[in-house]
Amino acid sequence: MFESLTDRLSRTFRNVVGRGKLTDENMKETLREVREALLEADVALEVIDTFLGEIQESAQGVEVGKSLTPAQQLVKIVNDKLIHLMGDECSELNLAMQPPAVVLMAGLQGSGKTTSSAKLAKWLKERQKKSVMLASADVYRPAAIDQLRTLSKEVDASFFENGELRDPVKIAQSAIDAAKKQFVDVIIIDTAGRLHIDDAMMQEIKHIHQAINPVETLFVVDGMMGQDAAKTAKAFNDALSLTGVIVTKLDGDARGGAILSIRQITGGKPVKFVGMGEKIEALEPFYPDRAASRILGMGDILSLVEELERKVDKQEADRLAKKLSKGKEFDLEDFRSQLVQMKNMGGLASMMDKMPGMSAIPAEAKARANDKSLDQMLAIINSMTRKERKRPLVIQGSRKRRIANGSGTTIQDVNRVLKQFTQMQKMMKKISKKGGLERMMRGVKGMQNLIPGGGIGH
């Protein structure tokens, strides 16, 4: 996310390098380029005007300190204003009440509302240790009820069966009664979407809202709509008084207009979560400071470390650390285990998105960092015998041909994987001299160097 905006802003700030002071003249030129970058990112015009006005007021005539260049000073100002624009800090769900806490989901058809309901249930169960029930008040689209029922099983949440009930208000009320009887912590109620905002839709969701008085009313919107997403959120907020917004499909949006526009256009309603992919675990709390860091090309190391701590198999890391500390070599079995962990963390592309300096990486190199490349590497290793994985040096000539045929790849692909394995083996040898789980986790981070065709720096 934010790739095109990051690239454009990075070029703009590089133009300020070498100047001793932020003057009216160079600020005017720089802000014009920032404005164009934001327009390209589909940020709402009123948001851009306010944002640039605040930057100009803060930056005008600022003397650059000894420790900061003009470009660094400007980046710091822009960073601070971006954070403020997007909400200053992470806005958490308000669940401090007598259970069940009721969460109402609203949005247009196709925004990812039903899937987001299940993703949120999974997040609440895993991160907040809450018991969750899902209920569908969408009586117009039978597939929506079936979809939510299936997803509830996938995320191990309870599901309210509405039986013969066809009134959305009564379904919502009955679901809450069921959640109380089952001592559920949180109930998430999915509502019907439409292809566009209409009076009938607004009246129905208003009635549901008034009848159940939810503690959280979350509007789910497709981030690829850009500033239109913010305008749609405003229309819903005028009708319902939202408590927050979930922006979906951000993994497919290189612009970021929705994220930058929503809070101001809705009069201060925060983005609480962002959807970063189709996988059921691809929902993240939204941190304005981390998003600002990504936009400015500084990555999101905090989120990366949190993801590593949460998803790295610590038992496997300890096993490998002990093995290496005893002087045993890192082999292809260990390499396969590391690749599986990488895939569990969303793949190379997901990690690269959070790494600093990604705007400087050629698009071709970033394009190669995908799940397909990981799957191919795993297929090649899985086509090896146990002996070959334990003793990689025996893989020569006819063995390489057999492995390539077995994995549906070429000998060149097999050679590339073996070369990447050798690089990883050398890195692990260095790590093993100092030992420890923390360093093992750093070793997993080092997998970024395994992009097919060379490392990130190439």
Protein backbone atom coordinates (compact mmCIF):
# COMPACT_ATOMS: atom_id res chain seq x y z
CA MET A 1 0.00 0.00 0.00
CA PHE A 2 1.03 3.63 -0.61
CA GLU A 3 3.69 2.57 -3.16
CA SER A 4 3.02 5.29 -5.74
CA LEU A 5 2.61 8.00 -3.10
CA THR A 6 5.83 6.90 -1.37
CA ASP A 7 7.78 6.95 -4.64
CA ARG A 8 6.51 10.42 -5.55
CA LEU A 9 7.17 11.93 -2.11
CA SER A 10 10.64 10.36 -1.94
CA ARG A 11 11.59 12.07 -5.20
CA THR A 12 10.15 15.35 -3.94
CA PHE A 13 12.13 15.34 -0.69
CA ARG A 14 15.35 14.45 -2.49
CA ASN A 15 15.02 17.73 -4.37
CA VAL A 16 15.29 19.65 -1.06
CA VAL A 17 18.66 18.10 -0.23
CA GLY A 18 21.52 20.61 -0.02
CA ARG A 19 19.45 23.64 0.91
CA GLY A 20 20.36 25.46 4.12
CA LYS A 21 16.91 26.75 5.00
CA LEU A 22 13.26 26.12 4.22
CA THR A 23 12.36 29.37 2.43
CA ASP A 24 9.09 30.60 0.91
CA GLU A 25 10.46 29.90 -2.55
CA ASN A 26 11.68 26.33 -2.08
CA MET A 27 8.67 25.49 0.14
CA LYS A 28 6.27 26.71 -2.57
CA GLU A 29 7.93 24.44 -5.13
CA THR A 30 8.04 21.46 -2.75
CA LEU A 31 4.44 21.86 -1.59
CA ARG A 32 3.28 22.05 -5.21
CA GLU A 33 4.91 18.66 -5.82
CA VAL A 34 3.43 17.23 -2.61
CA ARG A 35 0.01 18.50 -3.72
CA GLU A 36 0.38 16.72 -7.08
CA ALA A 37 1.45 13.53 -5.28
CA LEU A 38 -1.64 13.66 -3.05
CA LEU A 39 -3.95 14.36 -6.00
CA GLU A 40 -2.48 11.33 -7.80
CA ALA A 41 -3.15 9.31 -4.63
CA ASP A 42 -6.84 10.34 -4.91
CA VAL A 43 -6.89 12.25 -1.63
CA ALA A 44 -9.90 14.57 -1.24
CA LEU A 45 -9.13 18.16 -2.30
CA GLU A 46 -10.37 19.70 0.96
CA VAL A 47 -8.08 17.35 2.89
CA ILE A 48 -5.10 18.30 0.72
CA ASP A 49 -5.69 22.03 1.23
CA THR A 50 -5.89 21.69 5.02
CA PHE A 51 -2.86 19.39 5.13
CA LEU A 52 -0.63 21.62 3.01
CA GLY A 53 -1.68 24.71 4.96
CA GLU A 54 -0.58 23.08 8.21
CA ILE A 55 2.76 22.01 6.72
CA GLN A 56 3.46 25.49 5.36
CA GLU A 57 2.62 27.09 8.70
CA SER A 58 4.96 24.72 10.58
CA ALA A 59 7.83 24.79 8.06
CA GLN A 60 7.98 28.45 7.03
CA GLY A 61 11.30 30.00 7.95
CA VAL A 62 12.37 27.07 10.12
CA GLU A 63 16.10 27.12 10.73
CA VAL A 64 17.63 23.72 10.12
CA GLY A 65 19.46 22.41 13.17
CA LYS A 66 22.93 20.90 13.08
CA SER A 67 21.59 17.37 13.30
CA LEU A 68 18.97 17.78 10.55
CA THR A 69 19.19 18.67 6.87
CA PRO A 70 16.35 20.71 5.28
CA ALA A 71 15.00 17.53 3.70
CA GLN A 72 15.04 15.73 7.08
CA GLN A 73 13.38 18.71 8.75
CA LEU A 74 10.65 18.75 6.12
CA VAL A 75 10.15 14.99 6.36
CA LYS A 76 9.76 15.33 10.13
CA ILE A 77 7.12 18.05 9.71
CA VAL A 78 5.25 16.08 7.03
CA ASN A 79 5.45 12.94 9.17
CA ASP A 80 3.93 14.74 12.18
CA LYS A 81 1.13 16.24 10.06
CA LEU A 82 0.39 12.89 8.38
CA ILE A 83 0.01 11.23 11.77
CA HIS A 84 -2.36 13.98 12.90
CA LEU A 85 -4.31 13.77 9.64
CA MET A 86 -4.89 10.05 10.11
CA GLY A 87 -5.81 10.19 13.79
CA ASP A 88 -2.72 10.69 15.99
CA GLU A 89 -2.89 7.22 17.58
CA CYS A 90 -4.40 3.77 17.18
CA SER A 91 -8.12 3.87 18.01
CA GLU A 92 -9.02 0.67 19.85
CA LEU A 93 -12.40 -1.02 20.01
CA ASN A 94 -14.46 -0.01 23.02
CA LEU A 95 -15.39 -3.36 24.58
CA ALA A 96 -15.29 -2.30 28.26
CA MET A 97 -18.89 -3.13 29.10
CA GLN A 98 -21.03 -5.95 30.43
CA PRO A 99 -20.99 -8.73 27.80
CA PRO A 100 -22.00 -9.16 25.14
CA ALA A 101 -20.45 -6.11 23.49
CA VAL A 102 -22.43 -5.52 20.29
CA VAL A 103 -20.55 -4.62 17.10
CA LEU A 104 -22.65 -3.57 14.09
CA MET A 105 -21.07 -3.84 10.62
CA ALA A 106 -22.29 -1.54 7.83
CA GLY A 107 -21.20 -0.93 4.26
CA LEU A 108 -21.92 -1.19 0.57
CA GLN A 109 -22.21 -4.49 -1.27
CA GLY A 110 -18.82 -5.80 -2.36
CA SER A 111 -16.86 -3.83 0.23
CA GLY A 112 -15.74 -6.97 2.05
CA LYS A 113 -18.14 -6.50 4.96
CA THR A 114 -19.02 -10.15 5.57
CA THR A 115 -15.41 -11.29 5.27
CA SER A 116 -14.29 -8.44 7.54
CA SER A 117 -16.83 -9.57 10.15
CA ALA A 118 -15.17 -12.99 10.26
CA LYS A 119 -11.66 -11.48 10.20
CA LEU A 120 -12.59 -9.27 13.15
CA ALA A 121 -13.95 -12.30 15.02
CA LYS A 122 -10.65 -14.11 14.48
CA TRP A 123 -8.68 -11.06 15.62
CA LEU A 124 -10.78 -10.72 18.78
CA LYS A 125 -10.38 -14.41 19.60
CA GLU A 126 -6.63 -14.56 19.01
CA ARG A 127 -5.46 -11.14 20.19
CA GLN A 128 -8.08 -10.21 22.79
CA LYS A 129 -8.95 -13.75 23.93
CA LYS A 130 -12.68 -13.01 23.51
CA SER A 131 -15.45 -15.45 22.76
CA VAL A 132 -17.31 -14.27 19.66
CA MET A 133 -20.66 -14.89 17.98
CA LEU A 134 -21.40 -13.93 14.37
CA ALA A 135 -24.90 -13.14 13.10
CA SER A 136 -26.21 -12.10 9.67
CA ALA A 137 -29.11 -9.66 9.34
CA ASP A 138 -28.85 -9.76 5.54
CA VAL A 139 -32.16 -11.36 4.51
CA TYR A 140 -31.89 -10.29 0.87
CA ARG A 141 -28.88 -12.34 -0.12
CA PRO A 142 -29.15 -15.96 1.10
CA ALA A 143 -25.54 -16.57 0.08
CA ALA A 144 -24.46 -13.94 2.63
CA ILE A 145 -25.87 -16.01 5.51
CA ASP A 146 -24.26 -19.20 4.15
CA GLN A 147 -20.95 -17.36 3.66
CA LEU A 148 -20.91 -16.05 7.23
CA ARG A 149 -21.89 -19.49 8.59
CA THR A 150 -18.95 -21.06 6.73
CA LEU A 151 -16.53 -18.34 7.84
CA SER A 152 -17.63 -18.65 11.46
CA LYS A 153 -16.55 -22.30 11.41
CA GLU A 154 -13.23 -21.32 9.85
CA VAL A 155 -12.49 -18.80 12.63
CA ASP A 156 -14.00 -21.01 15.36
CA ALA A 157 -16.71 -18.51 16.34
CA SER A 158 -20.33 -19.23 17.26
CA PHE A 159 -22.97 -18.55 14.61
CA PHE A 160 -26.54 -17.42 15.23
CA GLU A 161 -29.04 -19.38 13.15
CA ASN A 162 -31.97 -17.07 12.34
CA GLY A 163 -34.30 -19.94 11.33
CA GLU A 164 -37.59 -18.52 10.08
CA LEU A 165 -36.83 -14.94 11.11
CA ARG A 166 -36.88 -12.51 8.18
CA ASP A 167 -37.03 -9.15 9.94
CA PRO A 168 -33.45 -7.76 10.25
CA VAL A 169 -34.28 -5.95 13.50
CA LYS A 170 -35.72 -9.10 15.11
CA ILE A 171 -32.75 -11.15 13.88
CA ALA A 172 -30.33 -8.71 15.51
CA GLN A 173 -32.30 -8.66 18.78
CA SER A 174 -32.64 -12.46 18.88
CA ALA A 175 -28.92 -12.88 18.16
CA ILE A 176 -28.04 -10.64 21.11
CA ASP A 177 -30.39 -12.65 23.37
CA ALA A 178 -28.65 -15.86 22.23
CA ALA A 179 -25.24 -14.32 22.89
CA LYS A 180 -26.32 -13.42 26.44
CA LYS A 181 -27.52 -16.96 27.12
CA GLN A 182 -24.24 -18.41 25.83
CA PHE A 183 -22.16 -15.88 27.83
CA VAL A 184 -20.45 -14.65 24.66
CA ASP A 185 -18.08 -11.69 25.06
CA VAL A 186 -18.68 -10.04 21.68
CA ILE A 187 -21.39 -10.40 19.05
CA ILE A 188 -20.72 -9.09 15.54
CA ILE A 189 -23.84 -8.39 13.46
CA ASP A 190 -23.39 -8.24 9.70
CA THR A 191 -25.99 -6.20 7.80
CA ALA A 192 -27.22 -6.07 4.22
CA GLY A 193 -25.21 -4.11 1.69
CA ARG A 194 -26.41 -2.36 -1.45
CA LEU A 195 -24.71 -1.42 -4.68
CA HIS A 196 -25.19 2.24 -3.77
CA ILE A 197 -26.52 4.38 -0.93
CA ASP A 198 -30.32 4.53 -0.97
CA ASP A 199 -33.03 5.67 1.44
CA ALA A 200 -34.41 2.16 2.06
CA MET A 201 -30.98 0.86 3.03
CA MET A 202 -30.33 3.77 5.37
CA GLN A 203 -33.73 3.46 7.04
CA GLU A 204 -33.25 -0.27 7.64
CA ILE A 205 -29.83 0.06 9.21
CA LYS A 206 -31.03 3.04 11.28
CA HIS A 207 -33.81 0.85 12.71
CA ILE A 208 -31.36 -1.93 13.54
CA HIS A 209 -28.99 0.58 15.15
CA GLN A 210 -31.76 2.13 17.28
CA ALA A 211 -33.08 -1.28 18.35
CA ILE A 212 -29.77 -2.76 19.55
CA ASN A 213 -27.69 0.33 20.47
CA PRO A 214 -24.29 -1.18 19.51
CA VAL A 215 -21.15 -0.18 21.39
CA GLU A 216 -19.27 -0.15 18.07
CA THR A 217 -20.70 0.73 14.65
CA LEU A 218 -18.04 0.03 12.04
CA PHE A 219 -18.31 1.10 8.42
CA VAL A 220 -16.51 -1.24 6.00
CA VAL A 221 -15.30 0.39 2.80
CA ASP A 222 -13.20 -0.66 -0.19
CA GLY A 223 -9.93 1.30 -0.01
CA MET A 224 -9.56 1.18 -3.79
CA MET A 225 -12.45 3.69 -4.03
CA GLY A 226 -10.03 6.45 -2.97
CA GLN A 227 -11.69 9.68 -1.87
CA ASP A 228 -15.10 8.23 -2.79
CA ALA A 229 -14.58 5.83 0.12
CA ALA A 230 -14.35 8.81 2.47
CA LYS A 231 -17.48 10.41 1.00
CA THR A 232 -19.44 7.17 1.39
CA ALA A 233 -18.24 6.87 4.99
CA LYS A 234 -19.50 10.41 5.62
CA ALA A 235 -22.97 9.52 4.26
CA PHE A 236 -23.17 6.55 6.62
CA ASN A 237 -21.81 8.56 9.53
CA ASP A 238 -24.51 11.22 9.01
CA ALA A 239 -27.12 8.47 9.34
CA LEU A 240 -25.62 6.28 12.04
CA SER A 241 -22.92 8.14 13.95
CA LEU A 242 -20.16 5.63 13.27
CA THR A 243 -17.54 4.76 15.89
CA GLY A 244 -14.94 3.79 13.31
CA VAL A 245 -14.06 2.57 9.82
CA ILE A 246 -12.50 -0.61 8.41
CA VAL A 247 -10.72 -0.01 5.09
CA THR A 248 -10.38 -3.19 3.02
CA LYS A 249 -8.29 -4.26 -0.01
CA LEU A 250 -5.38 -1.97 0.88
CA ASP A 251 -2.96 -4.59 -0.41
CA GLY A 252 -4.26 -3.81 -3.91
CA ASP A 253 -4.22 -0.02 -3.52
CA ALA A 254 -0.94 1.76 -4.25
CA ARG A 255 -2.49 5.20 -3.71
CA GLY A 256 -3.84 5.55 -0.15
CA GLY A 257 -6.43 8.27 -0.79
CA ALA A 258 -9.06 6.63 1.41
CA ILE A 259 -6.82 6.32 4.47
CA LEU A 260 -5.70 9.94 4.19
CA SER A 261 -9.20 11.37 3.63
CA ILE A 262 -11.58 9.45 5.90
CA ARG A 263 -10.93 11.04 9.29
CA GLN A 264 -11.28 14.65 8.14
CA ILE A 265 -14.26 14.05 5.82
CA THR A 266 -16.20 12.14 8.49
CA GLY A 267 -15.54 14.78 11.12
CA GLY A 268 -13.02 12.76 13.10
CA LYS A 269 -14.17 9.13 12.79
CA PRO A 270 -11.04 6.96 13.01
CA VAL A 271 -9.88 4.15 10.79
CA LYS A 272 -9.73 1.28 13.31
CA PHE A 273 -8.67 -1.63 11.09
CA VAL A 274 -7.28 -2.22 7.61
CA GLY A 275 -7.69 -5.30 5.45
CA MET A 276 -4.40 -6.34 3.84
CA GLY A 277 -5.38 -9.37 1.79
CA GLU A 278 -7.89 -12.16 1.24
CA LYS A 279 -6.58 -14.47 3.95
CA ILE A 280 -8.78 -14.68 7.04
CA GLU A 281 -5.98 -13.37 9.28
CA ALA A 282 -5.29 -10.37 6.99
CA LEU A 283 -6.80 -7.72 9.26
CA GLU A 284 -4.57 -5.29 11.18
CA PRO A 285 -5.27 -2.51 13.69
CA PHE A 286 -4.54 0.84 12.06
CA TYR A 287 -1.65 2.84 13.53
CA PRO A 288 -1.40 6.38 12.07
CA ASP A 289 2.26 6.73 13.05
CA ARG A 290 3.20 3.45 11.35
CA ALA A 291 1.19 4.34 8.23
CA ALA A 292 2.95 7.74 8.05
CA SER A 293 6.29 5.94 8.31
CA ARG A 294 5.36 3.67 5.39
CA ILE A 295 4.17 6.61 3.28
CA LEU A 296 7.50 8.36 3.78
CA GLY A 297 9.47 5.24 2.83
CA MET A 298 10.68 4.48 6.37
CA GLY A 299 8.92 1.13 6.65
CA ASP A 300 6.99 -0.25 9.60
CA ILE A 301 9.48 -2.11 11.75
CA LEU A 302 7.20 -2.21 14.82
CA SER A 303 4.49 -4.12 12.93
CA LEU A 304 7.12 -6.40 11.42
CA VAL A 305 8.60 -7.28 14.81
CA GLU A 306 5.12 -7.84 16.29
CA GLU A 307 4.30 -10.16 13.41
CA LEU A 308 7.54 -12.07 13.88
CA GLU A 309 6.93 -12.49 17.61
CA ARG A 310 3.38 -13.65 16.99
CA LYS A 311 3.89 -15.97 14.04
CA VAL A 312 7.41 -17.36 14.35
CA ASP A 313 7.34 -20.91 15.67
CA LYS A 314 9.44 -20.38 18.81
CA GLN A 315 9.88 -24.13 19.40
CA GLU A 316 11.24 -24.55 15.89
CA ALA A 317 13.51 -21.52 16.35
CA ASP A 318 14.82 -22.96 19.64
CA ARG A 319 15.38 -26.37 18.01
CA LEU A 320 17.37 -24.80 15.21
CA ALA A 321 19.34 -22.57 17.62
CA LYS A 322 20.33 -25.61 19.70
CA LYS A 323 21.27 -27.56 16.60
CA LEU A 324 23.54 -24.79 15.31
CA SER A 325 25.07 -24.17 18.74
CA LYS A 326 26.24 -27.78 18.74
CA GLY A 327 28.19 -27.15 15.56
CA LYS A 328 25.74 -28.95 13.25
CA GLU A 329 25.18 -27.45 9.80
CA PHE A 330 22.04 -25.67 8.61
CA ASP A 331 20.59 -28.02 5.96
CA LEU A 332 17.80 -27.97 3.40
CA GLU A 333 15.31 -29.41 5.92
CA ASP A 334 15.96 -26.36 8.09
CA PHE A 335 15.74 -24.11 5.03
CA ARG A 336 12.33 -25.58 4.16
CA SER A 337 11.14 -24.94 7.73
CA GLN A 338 12.21 -21.29 7.42
CA LEU A 339 10.40 -20.92 4.09
CA VAL A 340 7.19 -22.35 5.62
CA GLN A 341 7.43 -19.81 8.44
CA MET A 342 7.97 -17.06 5.91
CA LYS A 343 4.83 -18.15 4.08
CA ASN A 344 2.89 -18.17 7.35
CA MET A 345 3.88 -14.53 7.85
CA GLY A 346 2.28 -13.55 4.55
CA GLY A 347 5.24 -14.16 2.27
CA LEU A 348 8.11 -11.98 1.13
CA ALA A 349 5.88 -9.24 -0.29
CA SER A 350 4.11 -8.77 3.05
CA MET A 351 7.40 -8.42 4.90
CA MET A 352 8.95 -6.17 2.26
CA ASP A 353 6.00 -3.81 2.56
CA LYS A 354 7.09 -3.14 6.14
CA MET A 355 10.83 -2.85 5.47
CA PRO A 356 12.48 0.60 5.36
CA GLY A 357 13.78 1.84 2.02
CA MET A 358 11.47 -0.23 -0.16
CA SER A 359 10.82 2.76 -2.44
CA ALA A 360 14.43 2.48 -3.62
CA ILE A 361 13.99 -1.15 -4.71
CA PRO A 362 13.35 -1.67 -8.44
CA ALA A 363 9.75 -2.63 -9.22
CA GLU A 364 11.01 -5.74 -11.04
CA ALA A 365 12.73 -7.02 -7.89
CA LYS A 366 9.65 -6.33 -5.76
CA ALA A 367 7.43 -8.10 -8.28
CA ARG A 368 9.50 -11.29 -7.89
CA ALA A 369 8.89 -11.30 -4.13
CA ASN A 370 5.58 -13.12 -4.08
CA ASP A 371 3.95 -16.29 -2.78
CA LYS A 372 4.50 -17.96 -6.15
CA SER A 373 8.28 -17.74 -5.72
CA LEU A 374 8.04 -19.24 -2.22
CA ASP A 375 5.78 -22.04 -3.47
CA GLN A 376 8.27 -22.84 -6.22
CA MET A 377 11.17 -22.98 -3.76
CA LEU A 378 9.19 -25.29 -1.48
CA ALA A 379 8.20 -27.52 -4.42
CA ILE A 380 11.86 -27.89 -5.39
CA ILE A 381 12.97 -28.81 -1.85
CA ASN A 382 10.00 -31.20 -1.45
CA SER A 383 11.13 -33.02 -4.61
CA MET A 384 14.46 -33.88 -2.98
CA THR A 385 15.08 -37.07 -1.05
CA ARG A 386 15.68 -36.91 2.70
CA LYS A 387 19.37 -37.70 2.07
CA GLU A 388 19.65 -34.79 -0.39
CA ARG A 389 18.04 -32.37 2.05
CA LYS A 390 20.43 -33.49 4.78
CA ARG A 391 23.51 -33.50 2.50
CA PRO A 392 22.98 -30.82 -0.18
CA LEU A 393 26.47 -31.32 -1.66
CA VAL A 394 25.34 -34.62 -3.23
CA ILE A 395 22.87 -32.74 -5.47
CA GLN A 396 24.64 -32.79 -8.83
CA GLY A 397 23.87 -33.52 -12.52
CA SER A 398 21.20 -36.24 -12.78
CA ARG A 399 19.83 -35.46 -9.31
CA LYS A 400 19.16 -31.85 -10.35
CA ARG A 401 17.31 -33.05 -13.48
CA ARG A 402 15.17 -35.41 -11.39
CA ILE A 403 14.36 -32.66 -8.85
CA ALA A 404 13.47 -30.20 -11.65
CA ASN A 405 11.16 -32.75 -13.33
CA GLY A 406 9.56 -33.66 -10.01
CA SER A 407 8.81 -30.03 -9.11
CA GLY A 408 7.78 -28.88 -12.59
CA THR A 409 10.70 -26.44 -12.76
CA THR A 410 14.01 -26.12 -14.60
CA ILE A 411 17.58 -26.97 -13.63
CA GLN A 412 18.24 -23.21 -13.50
CA ASP A 413 15.48 -22.89 -10.89
CA VAL A 414 17.04 -25.70 -8.84
CA ASN A 415 20.47 -24.02 -9.06
CA ARG A 416 18.95 -20.73 -7.92
CA VAL A 417 17.39 -22.36 -4.84
CA LEU A 418 20.68 -24.07 -3.98
CA LYS A 419 22.50 -20.75 -4.31
CA GLN A 420 19.97 -19.03 -2.04
CA PHE A 421 20.28 -21.92 0.42
CA THR A 422 24.08 -21.47 0.47
CA GLN A 423 23.62 -17.75 1.25
CA MET A 424 21.24 -18.59 4.09
CA GLN A 425 23.56 -21.31 5.38
CA LYS A 426 26.46 -18.82 5.62
CA MET A 427 24.25 -16.31 7.44
CA MET A 428 23.05 -18.94 9.90
CA LYS A 429 26.64 -19.97 10.60
CA LYS A 430 27.42 -16.39 11.66
CA ILE A 431 24.28 -16.22 13.80
CA SER A 432 25.03 -19.55 15.52
CA LYS A 433 28.29 -18.22 16.95
CA LYS A 434 26.32 -15.84 19.16
CA GLY A 435 23.16 -17.93 19.57
CA GLY A 436 19.79 -17.07 21.07
CA LEU A 437 16.17 -17.00 19.92
CA GLU A 438 16.29 -13.27 19.25
CA ARG A 439 19.08 -13.77 16.73
CA MET A 440 17.24 -16.68 15.20
CA MET A 441 14.26 -14.39 14.61
CA ARG A 442 16.62 -11.91 12.99
CA GLY A 443 17.67 -14.77 10.77
CA VAL A 444 14.08 -15.18 9.62
CA LYS A 445 14.05 -11.44 8.83
CA GLY A 446 17.16 -12.05 6.75
CA MET A 447 15.05 -14.14 4.39
CA GLN A 448 14.31 -10.88 2.56
CA ASN A 449 17.63 -11.52 0.77
CA LEU A 450 16.16 -14.57 -0.92
CA ILE A 451 14.22 -12.84 -3.67
CA PRO A 452 14.59 -14.97 -6.82
CA GLY A 453 17.31 -13.53 -8.99
CA GLY A 454 19.28 -11.88 -6.22
CA GLY A 455 18.97 -10.04 -2.91
CA ILE A 456 17.09 -6.84 -2.16
CA GLY A 457 20.16 -4.75 -2.64
CA HIS A 458 20.78 -6.02 -6.17
